[in-house]
Amino acid sequence: MTLRDGKVGECYLVTGLRMEGTLLRRLQALGLTPGTEVKVLNRKRSGSLIFSVRGTRLAVGKRIAQEIETKEVCGGGKGDE
């Protein structure tokens, strides 16, 4: 599943990033790495997502969100806010 498929209020674990180059390095520098927990905060009609990662809010477009592989965190997780 990808982050684009995520539901508002749910927590997910990043399992992979299917991108290369500058974008990959930038997201990694912002703390978005495999094994990181994220929480979807808002979804816009345009498809962009706002999510929390390591205590910071990030917004990405739908094309980037569909390149971020995730799995749902069972049991609620800790949910960075």
PDB file of N, CA and C in Angstrom:
ATOM      1  N   MET A   1       0.848  -1.176   0.000  1.00  0.00           N
ATOM      2  CA  MET A   1       0.000   0.000   0.000  1.00  0.00           C
ATOM      3  C   MET A   1       0.887   1.229   0.000  1.00  0.00           C
ATOM      4  N   THR A   2       0.382   2.309  -0.534  1.00  0.00           N
ATOM      5  CA  THR A   2       1.156   3.546  -0.569  1.00  0.00           C
ATOM      6  C   THR A   2       0.543   4.572   0.378  1.00  0.00           C
ATOM      7  N   LEU A   3       1.292   5.609   0.663  1.00  0.00           N
ATOM      8  CA  LEU A   3       0.793   6.666   1.542  1.00  0.00           C
ATOM      9  C   LEU A   3      -0.442   7.328   0.937  1.00  0.00           C
ATOM     10  N   ARG A   4      -0.515   7.373  -0.371  1.00  0.00           N
ATOM     11  CA  ARG A   4      -1.684   7.972  -1.035  1.00  0.00           C
ATOM     12  C   ARG A   4      -2.971   7.236  -0.678  1.00  0.00           C
ATOM     13  N   ASP A   5      -2.875   5.946  -0.370  1.00  0.00           N
ATOM     14  CA  ASP A   5      -4.039   5.133  -0.002  1.00  0.00           C
ATOM     15  C   ASP A   5      -4.414   5.286   1.472  1.00  0.00           C
ATOM     16  N   GLY A   6      -3.569   5.985   2.242  1.00  0.00           N
ATOM     17  CA  GLY A   6      -3.793   6.113   3.674  1.00  0.00           C
ATOM     18  C   GLY A   6      -5.045   6.908   4.017  1.00  0.00           C
ATOM     19  N   LYS A   7      -5.588   6.614   5.192  1.00  0.00           N
ATOM     20  CA  LYS A   7      -6.792   7.289   5.672  1.00  0.00           C
ATOM     21  C   LYS A   7      -6.420   8.311   6.741  1.00  0.00           C
ATOM     22  N   VAL A   8      -7.157   9.406   6.766  1.00  0.00           N
ATOM     23  CA  VAL A   8      -6.925  10.469   7.747  1.00  0.00           C
ATOM     24  C   VAL A   8      -7.081   9.905   9.153  1.00  0.00           C
ATOM     25  N   GLY A   9      -6.120  10.222  10.013  1.00  0.00           N
ATOM     26  CA  GLY A   9      -6.142   9.787  11.401  1.00  0.00           C
ATOM     27  C   GLY A   9      -5.465   8.461  11.663  1.00  0.00           C
ATOM     28  N   GLU A  10      -5.077   7.757  10.613  1.00  0.00           N
ATOM     29  CA  GLU A  10      -4.432   6.448  10.764  1.00  0.00           C
ATOM     30  C   GLU A  10      -2.914   6.580  10.743  1.00  0.00           C
ATOM     31  N   CYS A  11      -2.255   5.637  11.397  1.00  0.00           N
ATOM     32  CA  CYS A  11      -0.791   5.611  11.460  1.00  0.00           C
ATOM     33  C   CYS A  11      -0.260   4.509  10.544  1.00  0.00           C
ATOM     34  N   TYR A  12       0.881   4.795   9.921  1.00  0.00           N
ATOM     35  CA  TYR A  12       1.496   3.866   8.981  1.00  0.00           C
ATOM     36  C   TYR A  12       2.997   3.820   9.205  1.00  0.00           C
ATOM     37  N   LEU A  13       3.600   2.722   8.817  1.00  0.00           N
ATOM     38  CA  LEU A  13       5.040   2.539   8.890  1.00  0.00           C
ATOM     39  C   LEU A  13       5.590   2.595   7.472  1.00  0.00           C
ATOM     40  N   VAL A  14       6.555   3.460   7.240  1.00  0.00           N
ATOM     41  CA  VAL A  14       7.164   3.573   5.918  1.00  0.00           C
ATOM     42  C   VAL A  14       8.018   2.327   5.685  1.00  0.00           C
ATOM     43  N   THR A  15       7.758   1.641   4.566  1.00  0.00           N
ATOM     44  CA  THR A  15       8.520   0.434   4.246  1.00  0.00           C
ATOM     45  C   THR A  15       9.472   0.648   3.084  1.00  0.00           C
ATOM     46  N   GLY A  16       9.269   1.718   2.310  1.00  0.00           N
ATOM     47  CA  GLY A  16      10.169   1.985   1.197  1.00  0.00           C
ATOM     48  C   GLY A  16       9.812   3.271   0.473  1.00  0.00           C
ATOM     49  N   LEU A  17      10.797   3.793  -0.234  1.00  0.00           N
ATOM     50  CA  LEU A  17      10.609   4.999  -1.042  1.00  0.00           C
ATOM     51  C   LEU A  17      10.987   4.646  -2.475  1.00  0.00           C
ATOM     52  N   ARG A  18      10.006   4.719  -3.384  1.00  0.00           N
ATOM     53  CA  ARG A  18      10.246   4.335  -4.785  1.00  0.00           C
ATOM     54  C   ARG A  18      10.569   5.565  -5.624  1.00  0.00           C
ATOM     55  N   MET A  19      11.642   6.233  -5.284  1.00  0.00           N
ATOM     56  CA  MET A  19      12.075   7.407  -6.040  1.00  0.00           C
ATOM     57  C   MET A  19      13.587   7.480  -5.973  1.00  0.00           C
ATOM     58  N   GLU A  20      14.160   8.349  -6.772  1.00  0.00           N
ATOM     59  CA  GLU A  20      15.615   8.476  -6.804  1.00  0.00           C
ATOM     60  C   GLU A  20      16.011   9.939  -6.773  1.00  0.00           C
ATOM     61  N   GLY A  21      17.294  10.161  -6.637  1.00  0.00           N
ATOM     62  CA  GLY A  21      17.868  11.488  -6.804  1.00  0.00           C
ATOM     63  C   GLY A  21      17.565  12.480  -5.698  1.00  0.00           C
ATOM     64  N   THR A  22      17.417  13.716  -6.115  1.00  0.00           N
ATOM     65  CA  THR A  22      17.264  14.831  -5.193  1.00  0.00           C
ATOM     66  C   THR A  22      16.042  14.695  -4.303  1.00  0.00           C
ATOM     67  N   LEU A  23      14.928  14.259  -4.875  1.00  0.00           N
ATOM     68  CA  LEU A  23      13.700  14.109  -4.092  1.00  0.00           C
ATOM     69  C   LEU A  23      13.879  13.088  -2.978  1.00  0.00           C
ATOM     70  N   LEU A  24      14.489  11.958  -3.287  1.00  0.00           N
ATOM     71  CA  LEU A  24      14.737  10.931  -2.278  1.00  0.00           C
ATOM     72  C   LEU A  24      15.615  11.485  -1.160  1.00  0.00           C
ATOM     73  N   ARG A  25      16.696  12.146  -1.520  1.00  0.00           N
ATOM     74  CA  ARG A  25      17.606  12.696  -0.504  1.00  0.00           C
ATOM     75  C   ARG A  25      16.918  13.760   0.352  1.00  0.00           C
ATOM     76  N   ARG A  26      16.066  14.569  -0.250  1.00  0.00           N
ATOM     77  CA  ARG A  26      15.358  15.613   0.486  1.00  0.00           C
ATOM     78  C   ARG A  26      14.373  15.011   1.491  1.00  0.00           C
ATOM     79  N   LEU A  27      13.615  14.017   1.069  1.00  0.00           N
ATOM     80  CA  LEU A  27      12.669  13.370   1.986  1.00  0.00           C
ATOM     81  C   LEU A  27      13.403  12.656   3.120  1.00  0.00           C
ATOM     82  N   GLN A  28      14.526  12.027   2.799  1.00  0.00           N
ATOM     83  CA  GLN A  28      15.319  11.379   3.846  1.00  0.00           C
ATOM     84  C   GLN A  28      15.858  12.404   4.833  1.00  0.00           C
ATOM     85  N   ALA A  29      16.282  13.560   4.342  1.00  0.00           N
ATOM     86  CA  ALA A  29      16.789  14.615   5.222  1.00  0.00           C
ATOM     87  C   ALA A  29      15.690  15.147   6.137  1.00  0.00           C
ATOM     88  N   LEU A  30      14.448  15.075   5.692  1.00  0.00           N
ATOM     89  CA  LEU A  30      13.315  15.518   6.507  1.00  0.00           C
ATOM     90  C   LEU A  30      12.850  14.434   7.483  1.00  0.00           C
ATOM     91  N   GLY A  31      13.502  13.275   7.451  1.00  0.00           N
ATOM     92  CA  GLY A  31      13.199  12.210   8.401  1.00  0.00           C
ATOM     93  C   GLY A  31      12.318  11.101   7.869  1.00  0.00           C
ATOM     94  N   LEU A  32      11.975  11.136   6.611  1.00  0.00           N
ATOM     95  CA  LEU A  32      11.117  10.110   6.015  1.00  0.00           C
ATOM     96  C   LEU A  32      12.005   8.989   5.482  1.00  0.00           C
ATOM     97  N   THR A  33      12.214   7.978   6.312  1.00  0.00           N
ATOM     98  CA  THR A  33      13.057   6.841   5.966  1.00  0.00           C
ATOM     99  C   THR A  33      12.307   5.548   6.282  1.00  0.00           C
ATOM    100  N   PRO A  34      12.692   4.440   5.664  1.00  0.00           N
ATOM    101  CA  PRO A  34      12.043   3.168   5.999  1.00  0.00           C
ATOM    102  C   PRO A  34      12.130   2.892   7.500  1.00  0.00           C
ATOM    103  N   GLY A  35      11.013   2.445   8.066  1.00  0.00           N
ATOM    104  CA  GLY A  35      10.942   2.176   9.496  1.00  0.00           C
ATOM    105  C   GLY A  35      10.365   3.331  10.297  1.00  0.00           C
ATOM    106  N   THR A  36      10.116   4.458   9.656  1.00  0.00           N
ATOM    107  CA  THR A  36       9.571   5.632  10.323  1.00  0.00           C
ATOM    108  C   THR A  36       8.051   5.555  10.351  1.00  0.00           C
ATOM    109  N   GLU A  37       7.467   5.927  11.479  1.00  0.00           N
ATOM    110  CA  GLU A  37       6.018   5.960  11.599  1.00  0.00           C
ATOM    111  C   GLU A  37       5.500   7.328  11.178  1.00  0.00           C
ATOM    112  N   VAL A  38       4.419   7.333  10.409  1.00  0.00           N
ATOM    113  CA  VAL A  38       3.780   8.575   9.976  1.00  0.00           C
ATOM    114  C   VAL A  38       2.290   8.495  10.289  1.00  0.00           C
ATOM    115  N   LYS A  39       1.683   9.663  10.439  1.00  0.00           N
ATOM    116  CA  LYS A  39       0.240   9.735  10.678  1.00  0.00           C
ATOM    117  C   LYS A  39      -0.363  10.697   9.664  1.00  0.00           C
ATOM    118  N   VAL A  40      -1.367  10.243   8.928  1.00  0.00           N
ATOM    119  CA  VAL A  40      -2.038  11.089   7.944  1.00  0.00           C
ATOM    120  C   VAL A  40      -2.935  12.068   8.692  1.00  0.00           C
ATOM    121  N   LEU A  41      -2.692  13.363   8.477  1.00  0.00           N
ATOM    122  CA  LEU A  41      -3.443  14.402   9.174  1.00  0.00           C
ATOM    123  C   LEU A  41      -4.576  14.970   8.337  1.00  0.00           C
ATOM    124  N   ASN A  42      -4.372  15.103   7.036  1.00  0.00           N
ATOM    125  CA  ASN A  42      -5.375  15.726   6.177  1.00  0.00           C
ATOM    126  C   ASN A  42      -5.161  15.277   4.734  1.00  0.00           C
ATOM    127  N   ARG A  43      -6.237  15.256   3.992  1.00  0.00           N
ATOM    128  CA  ARG A  43      -6.185  14.905   2.573  1.00  0.00           C
ATOM    129  C   ARG A  43      -6.957  15.979   1.821  1.00  0.00           C
ATOM    130  N   LYS A  44      -6.329  16.572   0.837  1.00  0.00           N
ATOM    131  CA  LYS A  44      -6.964  17.617   0.030  1.00  0.00           C
ATOM    132  C   LYS A  44      -7.661  16.991  -1.178  1.00  0.00           C
ATOM    133  N   ARG A  45      -8.630  17.705  -1.732  1.00  0.00           N
ATOM    134  CA  ARG A  45      -9.346  17.197  -2.906  1.00  0.00           C
ATOM    135  C   ARG A  45      -8.426  17.006  -4.103  1.00  0.00           C
ATOM    136  N   SER A  46      -7.365  17.780  -4.157  1.00  0.00           N
ATOM    137  CA  SER A  46      -6.407  17.662  -5.266  1.00  0.00           C
ATOM    138  C   SER A  46      -5.579  16.381  -5.183  1.00  0.00           C
ATOM    139  N   GLY A  47      -5.651  15.679  -4.047  1.00  0.00           N
ATOM    140  CA  GLY A  47      -4.894  14.448  -3.854  1.00  0.00           C
ATOM    141  C   GLY A  47      -3.671  14.612  -2.987  1.00  0.00           C
ATOM    142  N   SER A  48      -3.321  15.849  -2.654  1.00  0.00           N
ATOM    143  CA  SER A  48      -2.152  16.058  -1.795  1.00  0.00           C
ATOM    144  C   SER A  48      -2.472  15.635  -0.357  1.00  0.00           C
ATOM    145  N   LEU A  49      -1.422  15.288   0.375  1.00  0.00           N
ATOM    146  CA  LEU A  49      -1.570  14.801   1.749  1.00  0.00           C
ATOM    147  C   LEU A  49      -0.742  15.644   2.703  1.00  0.00           C
ATOM    148  N   ILE A  50      -1.264  15.822   3.893  1.00  0.00           N
ATOM    149  CA  ILE A  50      -0.501  16.411   4.985  1.00  0.00           C
ATOM    150  C   ILE A  50      -0.352  15.304   6.014  1.00  0.00           C
ATOM    151  N   PHE A  51       0.890  15.050   6.423  1.00  0.00           N
ATOM    152  CA  PHE A  51       1.118  13.989   7.393  1.00  0.00           C
ATOM    153  C   PHE A  51       2.186  14.408   8.391  1.00  0.00           C
ATOM    154  N   SER A  52       2.189  13.728   9.515  1.00  0.00           N
ATOM    155  CA  SER A  52       3.147  13.997  10.582  1.00  0.00           C
ATOM    156  C   SER A  52       4.235  12.936  10.541  1.00  0.00           C
ATOM    157  N   VAL A  53       5.485  13.409  10.608  1.00  0.00           N
ATOM    158  CA  VAL A  53       6.629  12.496  10.654  1.00  0.00           C
ATOM    159  C   VAL A  53       7.650  13.083  11.626  1.00  0.00           C
ATOM    160  N   ARG A  54       7.999  12.316  12.639  1.00  0.00           N
ATOM    161  CA  ARG A  54       8.979  12.743  13.645  1.00  0.00           C
ATOM    162  C   ARG A  54       8.655  14.120  14.238  1.00  0.00           C
ATOM    163  N   GLY A  55       7.367  14.362  14.500  1.00  0.00           N
ATOM    164  CA  GLY A  55       6.954  15.610  15.143  1.00  0.00           C
ATOM    165  C   GLY A  55       6.824  16.797  14.214  1.00  0.00           C
ATOM    166  N   THR A  56       6.983  16.588  12.917  1.00  0.00           N
ATOM    167  CA  THR A  56       6.898  17.675  11.934  1.00  0.00           C
ATOM    168  C   THR A  56       5.799  17.373  10.936  1.00  0.00           C
ATOM    169  N   ARG A  57       5.086  18.402  10.510  1.00  0.00           N
ATOM    170  CA  ARG A  57       4.066  18.225   9.480  1.00  0.00           C
ATOM    171  C   ARG A  57       4.689  18.428   8.103  1.00  0.00           C
ATOM    172  N   LEU A  58       4.407  17.496   7.213  1.00  0.00           N
ATOM    173  CA  LEU A  58       4.880  17.593   5.837  1.00  0.00           C
ATOM    174  C   LEU A  58       3.683  17.486   4.898  1.00  0.00           C
ATOM    175  N   ALA A  59       3.776  18.151   3.777  1.00  0.00           N
ATOM    176  CA  ALA A  59       2.755  18.044   2.740  1.00  0.00           C
ATOM    177  C   ALA A  59       3.426  17.590   1.453  1.00  0.00           C
ATOM    178  N   VAL A  60       2.808  16.621   0.785  1.00  0.00           N
ATOM    179  CA  VAL A  60       3.318  16.136  -0.487  1.00  0.00           C
ATOM    180  C   VAL A  60       2.156  16.000  -1.461  1.00  0.00           C
ATOM    181  N   GLY A  61       2.460  16.109  -2.735  1.00  0.00           N
ATOM    182  CA  GLY A  61       1.461  15.918  -3.773  1.00  0.00           C
ATOM    183  C   GLY A  61       1.142  14.446  -3.963  1.00  0.00           C
ATOM    184  N   LYS A  62       0.082  14.184  -4.720  1.00  0.00           N
ATOM    185  CA  LYS A  62      -0.358  12.799  -4.898  1.00  0.00           C
ATOM    186  C   LYS A  62       0.675  11.935  -5.613  1.00  0.00           C
ATOM    187  N   ARG A  63       1.441  12.514  -6.528  1.00  0.00           N
ATOM    188  CA  ARG A  63       2.463  11.725  -7.241  1.00  0.00           C
ATOM    189  C   ARG A  63       3.561  11.255  -6.296  1.00  0.00           C
ATOM    190  N   ILE A  64       3.974  12.122  -5.393  1.00  0.00           N
ATOM    191  CA  ILE A  64       4.994  11.726  -4.413  1.00  0.00           C
ATOM    192  C   ILE A  64       4.395  10.744  -3.412  1.00  0.00           C
ATOM    193  N   ALA A  65       3.163  10.987  -2.954  1.00  0.00           N
ATOM    194  CA  ALA A  65       2.514  10.106  -1.978  1.00  0.00           C
ATOM    195  C   ALA A  65       2.382   8.681  -2.501  1.00  0.00           C
ATOM    196  N   GLN A  66       2.181   8.513  -3.802  1.00  0.00           N
ATOM    197  CA  GLN A  66       2.044   7.161  -4.330  1.00  0.00           C
ATOM    198  C   GLN A  66       3.388   6.465  -4.515  1.00  0.00           C
ATOM    199  N   GLU A  67       4.475   7.151  -4.283  1.00  0.00           N
ATOM    200  CA  GLU A  67       5.809   6.549  -4.349  1.00  0.00           C
ATOM    201  C   GLU A  67       6.349   6.179  -2.966  1.00  0.00           C
ATOM    202  N   ILE A  68       5.576   6.457  -1.923  1.00  0.00           N
ATOM    203  CA  ILE A  68       5.976   6.135  -0.555  1.00  0.00           C
ATOM    204  C   ILE A  68       5.221   4.887  -0.120  1.00  0.00           C
ATOM    205  N   GLU A  69       5.942   3.767  -0.020  1.00  0.00           N
ATOM    206  CA  GLU A  69       5.354   2.487   0.375  1.00  0.00           C
ATOM    207  C   GLU A  69       5.163   2.452   1.888  1.00  0.00           C
ATOM    208  N   THR A  70       3.990   1.983   2.328  1.00  0.00           N
ATOM    209  CA  THR A  70       3.694   1.920   3.759  1.00  0.00           C
ATOM    210  C   THR A  70       2.961   0.639   4.095  1.00  0.00           C
ATOM    211  N   LYS A  71       2.860   0.387   5.384  1.00  0.00           N
ATOM    212  CA  LYS A  71       1.952  -0.640   5.882  1.00  0.00           C
ATOM    213  C   LYS A  71       1.294  -0.072   7.127  1.00  0.00           C
ATOM    214  N   GLU A  72       0.061  -0.486   7.364  1.00  0.00           N
ATOM    215  CA  GLU A  72      -0.688   0.033   8.498  1.00  0.00           C
ATOM    216  C   GLU A  72      -0.077  -0.467   9.793  1.00  0.00           C
ATOM    217  N   VAL A  73      -0.021   0.434  10.777  1.00  0.00           N
ATOM    218  CA  VAL A  73       0.496   0.074  12.090  1.00  0.00           C
ATOM    219  C   VAL A  73      -0.663  -0.509  12.904  1.00  0.00           C
ATOM    220  N   CYS A  74      -0.528  -1.753  13.298  1.00  0.00           N
ATOM    221  CA  CYS A  74      -1.580  -2.400  14.092  1.00  0.00           C
ATOM    222  C   CYS A  74      -1.465  -1.987  15.557  1.00  0.00           C
ATOM    223  N   GLY A  75      -2.574  -1.943  16.224  1.00  0.00           N
ATOM    224  CA  GLY A  75      -2.571  -1.621  17.651  1.00  0.00           C
ATOM    225  C   GLY A  75      -2.454  -0.153  17.946  1.00  0.00           C
ATOM    226  N   GLY A  76      -2.668   0.723  16.961  1.00  0.00           N
ATOM    227  CA  GLY A  76      -2.669   2.148  17.208  1.00  0.00           C
ATOM    228  C   GLY A  76      -1.327   2.820  17.083  1.00  0.00           C
ATOM    229  N   GLY A  77      -0.245   2.146  17.444  1.00  0.00           N
ATOM    230  CA  GLY A  77       1.081   2.774  17.338  1.00  0.00           C
ATOM    231  C   GLY A  77       1.216   3.971  18.235  1.00  0.00           C
ATOM    232  N   LYS A  78       2.323   4.691  18.117  1.00  0.00           N
ATOM    233  CA  LYS A  78       2.547   5.845  18.961  1.00  0.00           C
ATOM    234  C   LYS A  78       2.075   7.140  18.311  1.00  0.00           C
ATOM    235  N   GLY A  79       1.897   7.172  16.987  1.00  0.00           N
ATOM    236  CA  GLY A  79       1.298   8.304  16.288  1.00  0.00           C
ATOM    237  C   GLY A  79       1.955   9.642  16.532  1.00  0.00           C
ATOM    238  N   ASP A  80       3.077   9.937  15.888  1.00  0.00           N
ATOM    239  CA  ASP A  80       3.737  11.233  16.026  1.00  0.00           C
ATOM    240  C   ASP A  80       2.751  12.353  15.768  1.00  0.00           C
ATOM    241  N   GLU A  81       2.687  13.312  16.687  1.00  0.00           N
ATOM    242  CA  GLU A  81       1.826  14.481  16.466  1.00  0.00           C
ATOM    243  C   GLU A  81       2.560  15.731  16.699  1.00  0.00           C
TER     244      GLU A  81
END
